[in-house]
Amino acid sequence: AAGFKNPWPSYRSASKWKVLKTAIFHPPRKPIPKRIQEHFPVRMPTWHDFKDDNIKATWFGHASFLLELPVETPAQKRGARILLDPVFSKYTSPQIAAMFGLGPKRYSQLPCAVDDLPEVDIVVLSHNHYDHLDKPTLRQLERKHPNHIQYLVPLNNRQHLEAIGIEPGRIRELDWRESTQVHLPIIGARFSALCWPAQHGSARTPLDADKSLWASWLVETQTRAAGPKRIFFAGDTGYRATLGDGREGFPVCPTFKELGVKFEHGIHLSIIPIGLFLPREILSGVHTCPEDAVDLHRDLGSLKSLGCHFGTFRGSLSKHYEDVLEPARRLRAYAAQEGLAEDAFVTVAIG
């Protein structure tokens, strides 16, 4: 049966022949700097140490974040806590491969273990690739918070969660442009989540390519005094498929501008991927480069953006073409060239 599709001219899948050729004939692996922690500093995270109307995002590496939302009423002790694409494993590969040390390996440190996390209310997943949906991490979360966490996932991802024993009633599957209200009576918090298109794909085996949906997400919450706050999580996405490093003349994915218009340029925080983007002729359709990420940030009208999807794992192709320091370096250079304020689109320390 046919699976889900990217419906825009901005998407093009690389030919299987080109992928195979690149997988066989490629330059040697780019070395990882010896003192990696100097480049990707790791600090011990803290929780709930911010002003009531603010949002706090803690990065665990790659695309994993903990969002701590503001409180809405004086009676609330804390706002909702949302984990985005949590991956705390050493390898992002099927478990049998990971047991033998095969697959992309974490090269920067984790700031903490799953057991060190505060109580988590919601897990939001963007798609089912192993570097975003990590069953060992989800099992650990379930052991730590039995029967508590609610899950928001794009269509056809429910089976991955039910397979590890998560009850169907705690899982919500959404289609693109579908929203849901989340109510957390224990802490008296509520927020809305909008499942939004992204330009990507899905697969966990050679047989299930694009059989489950991929998505980005927008979370909207009220604050006591500052009106609604909105956070956008791009997950994994491309922006424009190119034939190489040049970007001019290729159509861009229109969905991010559409979202920016929908929310009148009032997206307070966006999390946008900047890494694992080389080689462009193969990955540009599904992974933004840092320059695409800045354009996407502007399409959203994002008030502040954080880079993700770098500094943690390397892709099977990109490790031969992309220096691990290149994403952040290119982001800084292009943001400055385009006249963005210095703190408009940044990278942060892990933790």
Protein backbone atom coordinates (compact mmCIF):
# COMPACT_ATOMS: atom_id res chain seq x y z
CA ALA A 1 0.00 0.00 0.00
CA ALA A 2 1.14 3.55 -0.67
CA GLY A 3 2.36 5.49 2.32
CA PHE A 4 2.32 9.17 3.29
CA LYS A 5 3.89 11.73 0.95
CA ASN A 6 5.49 15.18 0.92
CA PRO A 7 3.08 17.09 -1.37
CA TRP A 8 5.28 20.06 -2.35
CA PRO A 9 7.62 20.80 -5.28
CA SER A 10 10.23 21.65 -2.61
CA TYR A 11 10.64 17.91 -1.98
CA ARG A 12 12.56 15.50 -4.14
CA SER A 13 13.84 12.11 -3.04
CA ALA A 14 17.40 11.24 -4.01
CA SER A 15 17.68 8.44 -6.56
CA LYS A 16 18.42 5.02 -5.05
CA TRP A 17 21.36 4.71 -7.46
CA LYS A 18 22.87 7.97 -6.20
CA VAL A 19 22.40 6.95 -2.56
CA LEU A 20 24.00 3.56 -3.22
CA LYS A 21 26.88 5.14 -5.12
CA THR A 22 27.50 7.63 -2.30
CA ALA A 23 27.27 4.87 0.31
CA ILE A 24 30.03 2.93 -1.48
CA PHE A 25 32.25 5.66 -2.94
CA HIS A 26 32.71 8.38 -0.36
CA PRO A 27 35.58 10.30 1.21
CA PRO A 28 37.01 9.03 4.53
CA ARG A 29 35.10 9.80 7.71
CA LYS A 30 35.55 13.34 9.07
CA PRO A 31 37.37 13.09 12.40
CA ILE A 32 35.61 14.11 15.62
CA PRO A 33 37.68 16.67 17.58
CA LYS A 34 39.58 15.05 20.46
CA ARG A 35 38.40 17.44 23.18
CA ILE A 36 34.79 17.35 22.12
CA GLN A 37 33.44 18.88 25.36
CA GLU A 38 35.21 22.15 24.60
CA HIS A 39 33.06 22.43 21.48
CA PHE A 40 29.85 20.99 22.92
CA PRO A 41 29.88 21.98 26.59
CA VAL A 42 27.66 19.94 28.89
CA ARG A 43 26.22 21.29 32.12
CA MET A 44 24.11 19.73 34.83
CA PRO A 45 20.51 20.78 34.12
CA THR A 46 18.24 22.39 36.67
CA TRP A 47 14.46 22.42 36.65
CA HIS A 48 11.79 25.02 37.33
CA ASP A 49 14.10 27.93 38.07
CA PHE A 50 12.56 30.64 35.91
CA LYS A 51 10.00 33.44 36.06
CA ASP A 52 6.34 32.46 35.91
CA ASP A 53 5.58 33.77 32.41
CA ASN A 54 8.68 32.34 30.74
CA ILE A 55 9.27 29.11 28.83
CA LYS A 56 12.33 27.02 29.60
CA ALA A 57 13.88 24.62 27.07
CA THR A 58 16.63 22.20 28.18
CA TRP A 59 18.63 20.47 25.43
CA PHE A 60 19.79 16.86 25.88
CA GLY A 61 21.56 16.73 22.52
CA HIS A 62 20.28 16.04 18.97
CA ALA A 63 16.51 16.82 18.86
CA SER A 64 15.73 15.99 22.51
CA PHE A 65 14.42 18.83 24.69
CA LEU A 66 12.44 19.28 27.87
CA LEU A 67 10.00 22.18 27.66
CA GLU A 68 8.81 23.64 30.95
CA LEU A 69 5.74 25.77 30.32
CA PRO A 70 4.65 28.78 32.38
CA VAL A 71 1.97 28.56 35.03
CA GLU A 72 -1.48 29.97 34.28
CA THR A 73 -2.96 30.46 37.75
CA PRO A 74 -1.62 31.36 41.20
CA ALA A 75 -2.78 27.93 42.46
CA GLN A 76 -0.41 26.07 40.15
CA LYS A 77 2.90 24.86 41.57
CA ARG A 78 4.38 24.39 38.10
CA GLY A 79 3.53 24.42 34.42
CA ALA A 80 3.36 21.39 32.13
CA ARG A 81 6.57 19.54 31.28
CA ILE A 82 6.87 18.26 27.72
CA LEU A 83 9.64 16.02 26.39
CA LEU A 84 10.36 16.37 22.67
CA ASP A 85 11.80 13.34 20.80
CA PRO A 86 13.60 11.99 23.90
CA VAL A 87 16.68 9.90 23.01
CA PHE A 88 18.98 8.98 25.91
CA SER A 89 20.51 5.88 24.29
CA LYS A 90 24.13 5.50 23.24
CA TYR A 91 23.20 4.29 19.73
CA THR A 92 20.36 5.28 17.40
CA SER A 93 19.83 1.95 15.69
CA PRO A 94 17.64 -1.15 16.12
CA GLN A 95 18.27 -2.68 19.53
CA ILE A 96 19.92 -5.83 18.17
CA ALA A 97 22.40 -3.64 16.24
CA ALA A 98 22.97 -1.37 19.25
CA MET A 99 23.81 -4.44 21.39
CA PHE A 100 26.75 -5.09 19.07
CA GLY A 101 27.83 -1.44 18.97
CA LEU A 102 26.47 -0.85 15.48
CA GLY A 103 24.78 2.30 14.21
CA PRO A 104 25.22 6.02 14.88
CA LYS A 105 26.93 6.45 18.27
CA ARG A 106 26.57 9.41 20.64
CA TYR A 107 29.83 11.39 20.60
CA SER A 108 28.98 14.14 23.09
CA GLN A 109 27.96 13.53 26.68
CA LEU A 110 24.45 13.34 28.09
CA PRO A 111 23.83 15.98 30.77
CA CYS A 112 21.83 13.57 32.93
CA ALA A 113 20.10 10.19 32.92
CA VAL A 114 16.37 9.56 32.42
CA ASP A 115 16.09 8.91 36.17
CA ASP A 116 17.42 12.42 36.88
CA LEU A 117 14.55 14.08 35.00
CA PRO A 118 11.75 15.76 36.94
CA GLU A 119 8.19 14.47 36.55
CA VAL A 120 7.31 14.53 32.83
CA ASP A 121 3.68 15.00 31.76
CA ILE A 122 3.77 14.72 27.96
CA VAL A 123 6.03 13.17 25.33
CA VAL A 124 5.75 14.64 21.82
CA LEU A 125 7.23 12.61 18.95
CA SER A 126 7.89 14.00 15.47
CA HIS A 127 8.36 10.70 13.59
CA ASN A 128 9.60 7.15 13.98
CA HIS A 129 13.27 7.29 12.90
CA TYR A 130 15.56 5.75 15.54
CA ASP A 131 17.21 9.08 16.37
CA HIS A 132 13.79 10.53 17.33
CA LEU A 133 11.68 7.59 18.59
CA ASP A 134 13.87 5.64 20.99
CA LYS A 135 12.05 2.73 22.62
CA PRO A 136 14.66 2.11 25.38
CA THR A 137 14.25 5.73 26.53
CA LEU A 138 10.45 5.48 26.43
CA ARG A 139 10.58 2.27 28.48
CA GLN A 140 12.73 4.02 31.10
CA LEU A 141 10.29 6.94 31.23
CA GLU A 142 7.40 4.51 31.71
CA ARG A 143 9.23 2.77 34.57
CA LYS A 144 9.90 6.13 36.22
CA HIS A 145 6.35 7.51 35.76
CA PRO A 146 4.05 4.47 35.42
CA ASN A 147 0.62 5.24 33.87
CA HIS A 148 1.25 8.99 33.98
CA ILE A 149 2.71 10.30 30.71
CA GLN A 150 0.49 11.20 27.76
CA TYR A 151 1.89 10.82 24.23
CA LEU A 152 1.24 12.98 21.17
CA VAL A 153 2.29 11.34 17.89
CA PRO A 154 1.59 11.75 14.16
CA LEU A 155 -0.73 9.26 12.42
CA ASN A 156 0.17 5.57 12.44
CA ASN A 157 2.82 5.80 15.17
CA ARG A 158 0.61 4.42 17.92
CA GLN A 159 1.77 0.83 17.32
CA HIS A 160 5.35 1.61 18.32
CA LEU A 161 4.18 2.80 21.74
CA GLU A 162 1.61 0.07 22.31
CA ALA A 163 4.33 -2.49 21.48
CA ILE A 164 6.23 -1.44 24.61
CA GLY A 165 3.15 -1.61 26.83
CA ILE A 166 1.85 1.97 26.79
CA GLU A 167 -1.94 1.94 27.20
CA PRO A 168 -3.91 3.12 24.12
CA GLY A 169 -5.80 5.68 26.24
CA ARG A 170 -2.61 7.67 26.89
CA ILE A 171 -1.72 7.99 23.19
CA ARG A 172 -3.16 10.61 20.85
CA GLU A 173 -2.48 10.26 17.12
CA LEU A 174 -2.92 13.42 15.06
CA ASP A 175 -2.98 14.23 11.37
CA TRP A 176 -1.35 17.32 9.86
CA ARG A 177 -3.27 20.49 10.82
CA GLU A 178 -5.18 18.68 13.56
CA SER A 179 -5.03 20.06 17.09
CA THR A 180 -5.85 18.72 20.53
CA GLN A 181 -6.40 20.21 23.98
CA VAL A 182 -4.29 18.65 26.72
CA HIS A 183 -5.56 18.92 30.29
CA LEU A 184 -3.39 17.91 33.24
CA PRO A 185 -5.72 17.99 36.27
CA ILE A 186 -3.04 16.90 38.77
CA ILE A 187 -1.09 20.14 38.26
CA GLY A 188 -4.05 22.20 36.99
CA ALA A 189 -2.41 22.90 33.64
CA ARG A 190 -3.75 22.88 30.10
CA PHE A 191 -2.36 23.69 26.67
CA SER A 192 -3.14 23.04 23.02
CA ALA A 193 -0.95 21.12 20.57
CA LEU A 194 -1.16 21.50 16.81
CA CYS A 195 0.29 18.79 14.56
CA TRP A 196 1.79 20.59 11.56
CA PRO A 197 3.38 19.40 8.29
CA ALA A 198 7.12 18.82 7.93
CA GLN A 199 9.10 17.76 4.86
CA HIS A 200 10.64 14.45 5.78
CA GLY A 201 9.84 10.71 5.82
CA SER A 202 9.62 7.73 8.15
CA ALA A 203 10.89 4.15 8.47
CA ARG A 204 12.12 1.72 11.11
CA THR A 205 12.65 -1.25 8.77
CA PRO A 206 13.23 -1.67 5.02
CA LEU A 207 9.54 -2.62 4.71
CA ASP A 208 7.71 0.29 6.38
CA ALA A 209 9.06 3.37 4.56
CA ASP A 210 6.61 6.30 4.87
CA LYS A 211 3.85 4.08 6.32
CA SER A 212 3.61 6.36 9.37
CA LEU A 213 3.34 10.15 9.31
CA TRP A 214 6.06 12.65 10.23
CA ALA A 215 5.25 16.09 11.60
CA SER A 216 6.29 19.28 13.31
CA TRP A 217 4.36 20.57 16.35
CA LEU A 218 3.16 23.87 17.77
CA VAL A 219 2.31 24.12 21.47
CA GLU A 220 0.26 27.06 22.76
CA THR A 221 -0.21 27.83 26.43
CA GLN A 222 -1.65 30.69 28.45
CA THR A 223 0.36 32.65 31.00
CA ARG A 224 -0.76 34.64 34.03
CA ALA A 225 0.10 38.06 32.68
CA ALA A 226 1.81 37.83 29.29
CA GLY A 227 -0.93 36.36 27.10
CA PRO A 228 -0.48 33.14 25.10
CA LYS A 229 3.01 31.70 24.52
CA ARG A 230 3.74 29.52 21.48
CA ILE A 231 6.57 27.04 20.94
CA PHE A 232 7.29 25.42 17.58
CA PHE A 233 9.20 22.14 17.23
CA ALA A 234 10.23 21.43 13.64
CA GLY A 235 11.25 17.83 14.40
CA ASP A 236 13.15 16.68 11.33
CA THR A 237 12.49 18.56 8.10
CA GLY A 238 13.81 19.66 4.77
CA TYR A 239 13.10 23.10 3.32
CA ARG A 240 14.21 22.94 -0.32
CA ALA A 241 15.56 20.05 -2.38
CA THR A 242 18.66 21.16 -4.30
CA LEU A 243 21.08 19.45 -6.66
CA GLY A 244 24.13 20.46 -4.64
CA ASP A 245 25.32 23.34 -2.46
CA GLY A 246 23.57 26.11 -4.43
CA ARG A 247 20.16 27.14 -3.06
CA GLU A 248 18.93 29.81 -5.48
CA GLY A 249 16.09 28.99 -7.86
CA PHE A 250 14.75 25.96 -5.97
CA PRO A 251 11.21 26.11 -4.50
CA VAL A 252 10.90 26.25 -0.72
CA CYS A 253 8.45 24.35 1.47
CA PRO A 254 5.46 26.72 1.95
CA THR A 255 4.11 25.21 5.15
CA PHE A 256 6.28 27.23 7.55
CA LYS A 257 5.27 30.58 6.11
CA GLU A 258 1.67 29.40 6.32
CA LEU A 259 2.13 28.73 10.03
CA GLY A 260 3.81 32.11 10.55
CA VAL A 261 0.83 33.85 8.93
CA LYS A 262 -1.64 31.76 10.94
CA PHE A 263 -0.09 32.97 14.19
CA GLU A 264 0.67 36.51 12.99
CA HIS A 265 4.36 36.18 13.68
CA GLY A 266 3.82 35.43 17.35
CA ILE A 267 5.85 32.22 17.77
CA HIS A 268 7.93 32.85 20.87
CA LEU A 269 10.38 29.95 20.59
CA SER A 270 11.20 27.66 17.67
CA ILE A 271 13.44 24.58 17.67
CA ILE A 272 14.85 24.06 14.18
CA PRO A 273 17.30 21.42 12.86
CA ILE A 274 20.67 22.63 11.53
CA GLY A 275 22.79 19.46 11.20
CA LEU A 276 23.29 16.17 9.33
CA PHE A 277 22.69 18.06 6.10
CA LEU A 278 25.56 16.92 3.84
CA PRO A 279 25.75 15.77 1.07
CA ARG A 280 23.09 18.19 -0.19
CA GLU A 281 22.22 16.34 -3.40
CA ILE A 282 20.97 13.44 -1.25
CA LEU A 283 19.81 15.02 2.02
CA SER A 284 18.52 18.49 1.06
CA GLY A 285 14.95 17.26 0.53
CA VAL A 286 14.68 15.98 4.11
CA HIS A 287 17.26 17.90 6.21
CA THR A 288 17.64 21.67 6.45
CA CYS A 289 21.13 23.10 6.21
CA PRO A 290 21.91 26.02 8.57
CA GLU A 291 21.06 28.57 5.85
CA ASP A 292 17.69 26.89 5.18
CA ALA A 293 17.07 26.89 8.94
CA VAL A 294 17.52 30.68 9.08
CA ASP A 295 15.10 31.13 6.17
CA LEU A 296 12.62 28.82 7.91
CA HIS A 297 13.00 30.86 11.13
CA ARG A 298 12.06 33.98 9.16
CA ASP A 299 9.12 32.27 7.45
CA LEU A 300 7.74 31.43 10.90
CA GLY A 301 8.28 34.96 12.17
CA SER A 302 9.91 33.25 15.14
CA LEU A 303 10.87 35.64 17.95
CA LYS A 304 13.69 33.31 19.07
CA SER A 305 15.02 30.04 17.65
CA LEU A 306 17.31 27.28 18.90
CA GLY A 307 19.32 24.99 16.62
CA CYS A 308 19.02 21.22 17.09
CA HIS A 309 19.89 17.97 15.27
CA PHE A 310 23.65 18.44 15.59
CA GLY A 311 26.46 17.92 18.09
CA THR A 312 25.35 14.44 19.17
CA PHE A 313 25.08 11.73 16.50
CA ARG A 314 26.38 11.44 12.95
CA GLY A 315 24.45 10.12 9.96
CA SER A 316 25.75 7.17 7.95
CA LEU A 317 26.36 9.46 4.95
CA SER A 318 26.92 12.85 6.59
CA LYS A 319 29.82 11.59 8.73
CA HIS A 320 31.91 11.43 5.52
CA TYR A 321 31.03 14.98 4.39
CA GLU A 322 30.10 17.11 7.41
CA ASP A 323 32.47 18.29 10.11
CA VAL A 324 30.64 18.13 13.46
CA LEU A 325 31.50 21.80 14.09
CA GLU A 326 30.13 22.96 10.74
CA PRO A 327 26.39 23.31 11.58
CA ALA A 328 26.84 25.83 14.43
CA ARG A 329 29.61 27.69 12.58
CA ARG A 330 27.52 28.08 9.42
CA LEU A 331 24.44 29.08 11.41
CA ARG A 332 26.35 31.91 13.12
CA ALA A 333 27.88 33.11 9.85
CA TYR A 334 24.62 33.14 7.86
CA ALA A 335 22.54 34.65 10.66
CA ALA A 336 25.08 37.50 10.92
CA GLN A 337 25.22 37.91 7.13
CA GLU A 338 21.42 38.16 7.00
CA GLY A 339 21.35 40.77 9.75
CA LEU A 340 19.60 38.73 12.43
CA ALA A 341 19.95 40.01 15.98
CA GLU A 342 22.75 38.18 17.78
CA ASP A 343 20.37 36.28 20.06
CA ALA A 344 17.60 35.64 17.49
CA PHE A 345 18.76 32.17 16.40
CA VAL A 346 21.32 30.50 18.65
CA THR A 347 22.78 27.20 19.75
CA VAL A 348 22.93 26.36 23.45
CA ALA A 349 25.02 24.13 25.71
CA ILE A 350 23.80 20.59 26.30
CA GLY A 351 21.87 20.68 29.57
